[in-house]
Amino acid sequence: MGQKGLDFKHKEVINITDARRLGYVQDVTADLETGVITSIIVPGSNKILNMFANNNDIVIPWKNIKSIGEDIILVEI
């Protein structure tokens, strides 16, 4: 059976601007009226150290996603 198209949680996100590994997709946001994905969310750095601090997740707009492969997502931020 083929891979689900929306199985983003097993994909690592890499910023092509500086080749930085941002982590794995934590969540996605979508427009509820159209069902279109609008962004992906990656946990920010030092998530464990900042567990009581304000949310520092990285929200990446869909327009910044350049390529989605089998195990990585390339973004430009």
Protein backbone atom coordinates (compact mmCIF):
# COMPACT_ATOMS: atom_id res chain seq x y z
CA MET A 1 0.00 0.00 0.00
CA GLY A 2 1.30 3.49 -0.82
CA GLN A 3 2.31 6.22 1.57
CA LYS A 4 -0.33 8.71 2.68
CA GLY A 5 0.06 12.08 1.03
CA LEU A 6 -0.39 13.98 4.29
CA ASP A 7 1.99 11.93 6.45
CA PHE A 8 4.17 14.94 7.28
CA LYS A 9 5.09 13.95 10.85
CA HIS A 10 7.76 11.56 9.60
CA LYS A 11 9.41 14.16 7.39
CA GLU A 12 12.32 16.32 8.46
CA VAL A 13 12.17 20.01 7.50
CA ILE A 14 15.33 21.61 6.11
CA ASN A 15 15.79 25.30 5.32
CA ILE A 16 17.51 25.58 1.93
CA THR A 17 18.63 29.15 2.68
CA ASP A 18 21.18 28.06 5.29
CA ALA A 19 20.94 24.22 5.17
CA ARG A 20 19.68 24.22 8.78
CA ARG A 21 17.72 21.22 10.01
CA LEU A 22 14.57 22.61 11.61
CA GLY A 23 13.17 19.33 12.92
CA TYR A 24 10.12 17.24 12.14
CA VAL A 25 6.66 18.53 11.32
CA GLN A 26 4.60 18.86 14.49
CA ASP A 27 1.32 20.01 12.95
CA VAL A 28 -0.30 21.57 9.89
CA THR A 29 -2.85 24.36 9.57
CA ALA A 30 -5.56 24.47 6.95
CA ASP A 31 -8.28 26.75 5.66
CA LEU A 32 -11.43 25.10 7.04
CA GLU A 33 -13.60 26.36 4.19
CA THR A 34 -11.46 25.04 1.35
CA GLY A 35 -9.53 22.25 3.08
CA VAL A 36 -6.27 23.63 1.66
CA ILE A 37 -3.14 23.37 3.84
CA THR A 38 -1.88 26.87 4.63
CA SER A 39 1.24 26.13 6.71
CA ILE A 40 3.28 23.53 8.55
CA ILE A 41 4.49 23.88 12.12
CA VAL A 42 7.89 22.75 13.41
CA PRO A 43 8.87 22.90 17.11
CA GLY A 44 11.20 25.80 17.84
CA SER A 45 14.70 25.31 19.23
CA ASN A 46 15.22 24.45 22.90
CA LYS A 47 11.67 23.16 23.24
CA ILE A 48 12.51 21.22 26.41
CA LEU A 49 14.27 24.15 28.06
CA ASN A 50 11.42 26.50 27.18
CA MET A 51 8.53 24.23 28.13
CA PHE A 52 7.12 26.92 30.43
CA ALA A 53 7.97 29.83 28.15
CA ASN A 54 5.87 31.30 25.36
CA ASN A 55 5.29 29.20 22.29
CA ASN A 56 8.35 29.36 20.02
CA ASP A 57 7.14 27.05 17.24
CA ILE A 58 8.19 27.85 13.68
CA VAL A 59 5.19 28.38 11.39
CA ILE A 60 6.16 27.92 7.74
CA PRO A 61 3.65 29.22 5.17
CA TRP A 62 2.78 26.80 2.37
CA LYS A 63 4.23 29.20 -0.22
CA ASN A 64 7.67 28.73 1.41
CA ILE A 65 7.66 24.96 0.87
CA LYS A 66 9.84 24.26 -2.15
CA SER A 67 9.84 20.45 -2.31
CA ILE A 68 8.32 17.50 -0.48
CA GLY A 69 10.24 14.25 -0.72
CA GLU A 70 9.83 10.81 0.82
CA ASP A 71 11.56 11.76 4.07
CA ILE A 72 12.32 15.52 3.90
CA ILE A 73 10.57 18.79 3.21
CA LEU A 74 12.70 21.60 1.77
CA VAL A 75 11.62 25.11 2.75
CA GLU A 76 12.94 28.61 2.14
CA ILE A 77 12.69 30.89 5.16
